[in-house]
Amino acid sequence: MNFNIQHTMAALLLTLSVLSACKKEATPAPSHKDENYLVVKDNPADPVDHRIFQFFENTGIPCFYNDTVAKVQVGISSTGVPQYSFQRLVLSYSPLGSIKSQLFATKNKQYIPAILDLLKSELVPKLPAGIFIPSILFVDSLTLGDFFIDMDDPAVGWDAVAGFNTVAIRCRDVASMNADEKRLYIANIITGVVVNKMMSTQNTALQKDFYSISRALAKPELGDMDVYNSFPLEFFLPALPEPGHYALMRFLPYKVQFDDLVIYYTVPPREEEDLKMFLVAVLYYTTQEFNTKYDQYPAIKDKFRILGEIATAAGLQLPR
């Protein structure tokens, strides 16, 4: 009898302790908090920060020179250490954590005010309808993909890349540029901002009228192999003709790395890279200037003309 009473009392005490412990914990529930971290606050003590704030007020585009835009405490560990979540600007996103881009935020923030003036006068008013810039991150260098080498050449079209929640723009000394250099730089930036939209909305015309020119020219040497497949040119004997033979502006350097072993090779551009180079050209050159420069390459001039028509249809303003 005493045995049963003892067990009954123990069970009651255990139940009461569990119930009282449960009452101490609030029922988990969503916060329904929707906070926009892509905003800029004024910092009058820093001239660059103040100019960034003024640009944000005038255009609605937040600009940053650090890819971490917010640090939010989300909890405390069992040992009392605060736990934080970092809100970052990234060019690519993967649920598995594999990021296909590398960028280095600029250490030359003194260049930013002159860039902002250029963007305000030459980028913002010329953006086609439907183009949205969530934010701008100023960087010193950027690399996309597993194999791509950072291309510090404005003519290639990699001074700006639109990504997941930002547009990365390579920070250059605009104040020391002449007028032509500024035109090339802004053509490069516009290309980076609009190229993704063009590839999705104008893909039918691009495949039919633009990429098809290089594919047809490459068929005699490559057969069924696509000229845009990024195959290493070093694998071909005899060597393939120069890029103009295929109506390409240039071949590109790539690399493959296996631990400490790094192998460099040269490849034709992929579709996106070919489009970027020609898009920079149609935004920078007049038709007469381009035709004079590439007078010996009729197919390159055809691609320039065709892309100019496609770009105009997409709402871009060209220097005709």
Protein backbone atom coordinates (compact mmCIF):
# COMPACT_ATOMS: atom_id res chain seq x y z
CA MET A 1 0.00 0.00 0.00
CA ASN A 2 2.81 2.39 0.95
CA PHE A 3 4.57 1.37 -2.28
CA ASN A 4 1.57 2.39 -4.43
CA ILE A 5 1.11 5.69 -2.55
CA GLN A 6 4.76 6.56 -3.00
CA HIS A 7 4.61 5.87 -6.74
CA THR A 8 1.36 7.80 -7.09
CA MET A 9 2.83 10.83 -5.30
CA ALA A 10 5.98 10.65 -7.41
CA ALA A 11 3.90 10.55 -10.59
CA LEU A 12 1.83 13.54 -9.47
CA LEU A 13 4.94 15.53 -8.59
CA LEU A 14 6.52 14.70 -11.96
CA THR A 15 3.35 15.77 -13.81
CA LEU A 16 3.14 19.04 -11.87
CA SER A 17 6.81 19.82 -12.49
CA VAL A 18 6.42 19.17 -16.23
CA LEU A 19 3.29 21.33 -16.43
CA SER A 20 4.88 24.17 -14.46
CA ALA A 21 8.02 23.98 -16.61
CA CYS A 22 5.94 24.11 -19.79
CA LYS A 23 4.17 27.24 -18.59
CA LYS A 24 7.51 29.06 -18.41
CA GLU A 25 8.11 28.62 -22.16
CA ALA A 26 6.22 30.85 -24.56
CA THR A 27 4.61 29.08 -27.47
CA PRO A 28 6.86 29.49 -30.53
CA ALA A 29 5.31 31.83 -33.09
CA PRO A 30 6.50 33.73 -36.16
CA SER A 31 7.46 37.34 -35.54
CA HIS A 32 5.84 38.55 -38.78
CA LYS A 33 8.66 41.09 -38.83
CA ASP A 34 9.52 42.30 -42.31
CA GLU A 35 12.60 44.50 -42.15
CA ASN A 36 14.30 46.03 -45.17
CA TYR A 37 18.05 46.03 -44.62
CA LEU A 38 18.77 47.64 -48.00
CA VAL A 39 18.56 51.18 -46.71
CA VAL A 40 21.21 53.84 -46.12
CA LYS A 41 21.46 56.06 -43.05
CA ASP A 42 23.24 59.38 -43.12
CA ASN A 43 26.68 59.79 -41.60
CA PRO A 44 27.58 63.48 -41.93
CA ALA A 45 30.96 62.86 -40.27
CA ASP A 46 32.12 60.81 -43.28
CA PRO A 47 32.02 62.63 -46.66
CA VAL A 48 31.72 59.38 -48.65
CA ASP A 49 28.93 58.03 -46.46
CA HIS A 50 27.11 61.36 -46.73
CA ARG A 51 27.35 61.31 -50.55
CA ILE A 52 26.03 57.74 -50.58
CA PHE A 53 23.08 58.86 -48.45
CA GLN A 54 22.36 61.76 -50.81
CA PHE A 55 22.46 59.38 -53.80
CA PHE A 56 20.05 57.06 -51.97
CA GLU A 57 17.67 59.96 -51.27
CA ASN A 58 17.74 61.08 -54.91
CA THR A 59 17.54 57.71 -56.67
CA GLY A 60 16.24 55.20 -54.11
CA ILE A 61 19.26 52.96 -54.79
CA PRO A 62 21.23 51.99 -51.64
CA CYS A 63 24.99 51.73 -52.13
CA PHE A 64 27.52 49.93 -49.94
CA TYR A 65 31.25 49.29 -49.80
CA ASN A 66 30.91 46.43 -47.30
CA ASP A 67 29.01 43.26 -48.19
CA THR A 68 27.69 42.86 -44.61
CA VAL A 69 24.82 45.33 -44.28
CA ALA A 70 23.34 44.24 -40.92
CA LYS A 71 24.16 42.25 -37.79
CA VAL A 72 21.11 40.99 -35.91
CA GLN A 73 21.12 39.11 -32.59
CA VAL A 74 18.95 36.03 -32.95
CA GLY A 75 19.53 34.30 -29.61
CA ILE A 76 21.91 33.31 -26.84
CA SER A 77 23.82 30.05 -26.61
CA SER A 78 23.64 27.72 -23.61
CA THR A 79 26.87 29.29 -22.35
CA GLY A 80 25.49 32.82 -22.58
CA VAL A 81 27.25 33.82 -25.81
CA PRO A 82 25.08 35.99 -28.09
CA GLN A 83 24.18 34.43 -31.45
CA TYR A 84 24.02 36.67 -34.54
CA SER A 85 22.67 36.56 -38.05
CA PHE A 86 24.53 38.56 -40.70
CA GLN A 87 22.64 40.08 -43.62
CA ARG A 88 24.96 40.10 -46.63
CA LEU A 89 25.00 41.20 -50.24
CA VAL A 90 25.71 38.28 -52.57
CA LEU A 91 25.79 37.78 -56.32
CA SER A 92 24.65 34.17 -56.24
CA TYR A 93 22.63 32.01 -53.87
CA SER A 94 22.48 28.29 -53.29
CA PRO A 95 20.49 26.45 -50.58
CA LEU A 96 23.46 24.07 -50.33
CA GLY A 97 25.87 26.92 -49.65
CA SER A 98 27.89 26.64 -52.86
CA ILE A 99 28.64 30.19 -54.03
CA LYS A 100 29.78 30.59 -57.62
CA SER A 101 31.14 34.10 -57.26
CA GLN A 102 33.96 35.78 -55.39
CA LEU A 103 34.23 39.49 -54.80
CA PHE A 104 36.41 41.79 -52.75
CA ALA A 105 34.79 44.92 -51.37
CA THR A 106 36.65 48.06 -52.32
CA LYS A 107 39.41 49.60 -50.25
CA ASN A 108 39.26 52.72 -52.44
CA LYS A 109 36.09 54.30 -51.15
CA GLN A 110 37.47 57.73 -52.06
CA TYR A 111 36.57 56.87 -55.68
CA ILE A 112 32.89 56.42 -54.84
CA PRO A 113 31.61 60.05 -54.97
CA ALA A 114 32.77 60.52 -58.59
CA ILE A 115 31.22 57.16 -59.53
CA LEU A 116 27.92 58.19 -57.95
CA ASP A 117 27.87 61.39 -60.00
CA LEU A 118 28.42 59.33 -63.17
CA LEU A 119 25.72 56.82 -62.23
CA LYS A 120 23.24 59.58 -61.44
CA SER A 121 23.70 61.30 -64.81
CA GLU A 122 24.49 58.39 -67.16
CA LEU A 123 22.98 55.21 -65.67
CA VAL A 124 19.77 55.99 -63.79
CA PRO A 125 18.12 58.09 -66.57
CA LYS A 126 19.02 55.50 -69.23
CA LEU A 127 17.73 52.34 -67.57
CA PRO A 128 14.98 50.62 -69.60
CA ALA A 129 11.57 50.13 -68.02
CA GLY A 130 11.39 47.07 -65.80
CA ILE A 131 15.04 47.15 -64.73
CA PHE A 132 15.37 47.20 -60.94
CA ILE A 133 18.60 47.73 -58.99
CA PRO A 134 18.09 46.41 -55.42
CA SER A 135 21.45 47.77 -54.25
CA ILE A 136 24.98 48.51 -55.42
CA LEU A 137 28.11 47.02 -53.87
CA PHE A 138 31.41 48.65 -54.81
CA VAL A 139 34.21 46.10 -55.24
CA ASP A 140 37.87 46.07 -56.25
CA SER A 141 37.62 42.76 -58.11
CA LEU A 142 35.13 40.02 -58.83
CA THR A 143 35.20 36.52 -60.23
CA LEU A 144 32.27 34.44 -61.45
CA GLY A 145 32.04 30.70 -61.84
CA ASP A 146 34.49 27.98 -60.89
CA PHE A 147 36.96 28.65 -63.69
CA PHE A 148 36.66 32.29 -64.67
CA ILE A 149 39.65 34.59 -64.17
CA ASP A 150 39.01 38.13 -62.98
CA MET A 151 38.89 40.24 -66.16
CA ASP A 152 40.07 43.74 -65.35
CA ASP A 153 39.29 44.98 -68.86
CA PRO A 154 36.35 47.33 -69.50
CA ALA A 155 35.93 46.07 -73.07
CA VAL A 156 35.02 42.56 -71.84
CA GLY A 157 31.97 43.65 -69.86
CA TRP A 158 32.84 42.51 -66.33
CA ASP A 159 32.99 45.85 -64.49
CA ALA A 160 29.45 45.25 -63.22
CA VAL A 161 27.52 42.08 -62.44
CA ALA A 162 23.88 41.91 -61.37
CA GLY A 163 23.29 39.22 -58.78
CA PHE A 164 20.96 37.90 -56.10
CA ASN A 165 20.37 41.08 -54.08
CA THR A 166 22.91 43.54 -55.45
CA VAL A 167 24.80 44.82 -58.47
CA ALA A 168 28.56 44.61 -57.91
CA ILE A 169 30.42 47.46 -59.60
CA ARG A 170 34.18 47.56 -59.93
CA CYS A 171 35.45 50.73 -58.25
CA ARG A 172 37.54 52.80 -60.69
CA ASP A 173 39.08 56.26 -60.50
CA VAL A 174 36.45 58.10 -62.54
CA ALA A 175 37.86 61.52 -61.61
CA SER A 176 41.03 60.78 -63.59
CA MET A 177 39.21 59.37 -66.67
CA ASN A 178 38.83 61.22 -69.94
CA ALA A 179 35.44 61.41 -71.69
CA ASP A 180 35.97 58.23 -73.76
CA GLU A 181 37.05 56.23 -70.71
CA LYS A 182 33.95 57.36 -68.84
CA ARG A 183 31.73 56.34 -71.77
CA LEU A 184 33.33 52.89 -71.85
CA TYR A 185 33.01 52.49 -68.07
CA ILE A 186 29.31 53.42 -68.04
CA ALA A 187 28.66 51.18 -71.08
CA ASN A 188 30.21 48.36 -69.08
CA ILE A 189 28.05 49.09 -66.03
CA ILE A 190 24.83 49.32 -68.05
CA THR A 191 25.73 45.98 -69.65
CA GLY A 192 26.12 44.33 -66.25
CA VAL A 193 22.81 45.73 -65.05
CA VAL A 194 20.67 44.74 -68.07
CA VAL A 195 22.29 41.61 -69.52
CA ASN A 196 20.35 39.09 -67.39
CA LYS A 197 17.04 40.64 -68.36
CA MET A 198 18.04 40.68 -72.02
CA MET A 199 19.01 37.02 -71.96
CA SER A 200 15.60 36.08 -70.56
CA THR A 201 13.34 38.41 -72.55
CA GLN A 202 15.24 38.52 -75.86
CA ASN A 203 16.57 34.96 -75.94
CA THR A 204 14.57 33.88 -79.00
CA ALA A 205 15.94 36.73 -81.11
CA LEU A 206 19.46 36.27 -79.71
CA GLN A 207 19.52 32.56 -80.54
CA LYS A 208 18.02 32.98 -84.00
CA ASP A 209 19.85 36.06 -85.24
CA PHE A 210 22.93 36.68 -83.05
CA TYR A 211 24.52 33.49 -81.66
CA SER A 212 23.66 31.58 -84.84
CA ILE A 213 26.23 33.60 -86.82
CA SER A 214 29.19 32.32 -84.78
CA ARG A 215 27.77 28.79 -84.66
CA ALA A 216 27.51 28.65 -88.45
CA LEU A 217 31.05 29.97 -88.93
CA ALA A 218 32.48 27.42 -86.48
CA LYS A 219 30.73 24.38 -87.94
CA PRO A 220 33.38 23.56 -90.62
CA GLU A 221 36.11 23.14 -87.95
CA LEU A 222 34.02 22.03 -84.97
CA GLY A 223 31.30 19.93 -86.57
CA ASP A 224 28.60 19.21 -83.99
CA MET A 225 30.59 20.80 -81.15
CA ASP A 226 29.06 24.11 -80.05
CA VAL A 227 31.43 27.07 -80.31
CA TYR A 228 29.98 28.37 -77.01
CA ASN A 229 30.88 25.22 -75.04
CA SER A 230 34.08 26.74 -73.57
CA PHE A 231 36.37 23.98 -74.83
CA PRO A 232 40.13 24.57 -74.31
CA LEU A 233 41.73 25.75 -77.53
CA GLU A 234 45.00 24.08 -76.54
CA PHE A 235 43.36 20.69 -77.20
CA PHE A 236 43.01 21.37 -80.92
CA LEU A 237 45.69 20.45 -83.45
CA PRO A 238 46.17 22.18 -85.74
CA ALA A 239 45.37 25.37 -83.87
CA LEU A 240 42.01 27.01 -84.54
CA PRO A 241 41.81 30.37 -86.34
CA GLU A 242 41.76 33.66 -84.43
CA PRO A 243 38.44 34.72 -82.80
CA GLY A 244 37.38 37.06 -85.61
CA HIS A 245 37.09 34.03 -87.89
CA TYR A 246 34.09 32.96 -85.77
CA ALA A 247 32.69 36.51 -85.38
CA LEU A 248 33.93 36.57 -81.78
CA MET A 249 35.70 39.60 -80.33
CA ARG A 250 38.22 37.62 -78.31
CA PHE A 251 39.02 34.35 -76.59
CA LEU A 252 39.12 34.29 -72.77
CA PRO A 253 41.55 32.96 -70.13
CA TYR A 254 40.23 30.28 -67.79
CA LYS A 255 41.77 28.14 -65.11
CA VAL A 256 41.23 24.80 -63.39
CA GLN A 257 42.62 24.18 -59.92
CA PHE A 258 43.21 20.79 -58.28
CA ASP A 259 44.51 21.50 -54.77
CA ASP A 260 47.85 23.25 -55.41
CA LEU A 261 47.89 22.47 -59.14
CA VAL A 262 46.56 25.34 -61.27
CA ILE A 263 46.16 24.93 -65.04
CA TYR A 264 45.50 27.92 -67.28
CA TYR A 265 43.97 27.62 -70.72
CA THR A 266 42.14 29.67 -73.35
CA VAL A 267 38.53 29.18 -74.42
CA PRO A 268 35.95 30.82 -76.67
CA PRO A 269 33.37 32.90 -74.78
CA ARG A 270 30.12 31.38 -73.61
CA GLU A 271 26.87 32.91 -74.83
CA GLU A 272 26.66 35.35 -71.92
CA GLU A 273 30.26 36.50 -72.35
CA ASP A 274 29.85 36.96 -76.10
CA LEU A 275 26.68 38.97 -75.51
CA LYS A 276 28.39 41.15 -72.89
CA MET A 277 31.31 42.05 -75.13
CA PHE A 278 29.05 43.02 -78.02
CA LEU A 279 26.61 44.84 -75.73
CA VAL A 280 29.44 46.99 -74.35
CA ALA A 281 30.36 47.73 -77.97
CA VAL A 282 26.86 48.80 -79.07
CA LEU A 283 26.59 51.04 -75.99
CA TYR A 284 30.01 52.60 -76.60
CA TYR A 285 30.63 52.85 -80.36
CA THR A 286 28.66 54.57 -83.06
CA THR A 287 27.97 52.34 -86.07
CA GLN A 288 30.58 54.18 -88.12
CA GLU A 289 33.25 53.87 -85.42
CA PHE A 290 32.63 50.15 -84.99
CA ASN A 291 32.53 49.40 -88.72
CA THR A 292 35.84 51.19 -89.17
CA LYS A 293 37.45 49.26 -86.30
CA TYR A 294 36.22 45.86 -87.57
CA ASP A 295 36.24 46.57 -91.30
CA GLN A 296 37.94 43.22 -92.07
CA TYR A 297 35.26 41.21 -90.21
CA PRO A 298 31.87 41.46 -91.95
CA ALA A 299 30.29 38.86 -89.64
CA ILE A 300 31.32 40.81 -86.54
CA LYS A 301 29.73 43.91 -88.05
CA ASP A 302 26.56 41.89 -88.70
CA LYS A 303 26.41 40.80 -85.05
CA PHE A 304 26.93 44.40 -83.94
CA ARG A 305 24.08 45.61 -86.16
CA ILE A 306 21.71 42.83 -85.09
CA LEU A 307 22.43 43.30 -81.38
CA GLY A 308 21.92 47.04 -81.78
CA GLU A 309 18.43 46.36 -83.10
CA ILE A 310 17.67 43.92 -80.26
CA ALA A 311 19.04 46.34 -77.65
CA THR A 312 16.96 49.21 -79.04
CA ALA A 313 13.85 47.01 -78.91
CA ALA A 314 14.71 46.27 -75.26
CA GLY A 315 14.68 49.99 -74.45
CA LEU A 316 18.39 50.79 -74.40
CA GLN A 317 19.68 54.14 -75.66
CA LEU A 318 22.52 53.70 -78.17
CA PRO A 319 25.07 56.25 -79.49
CA ARG A 320 23.91 56.10 -83.11
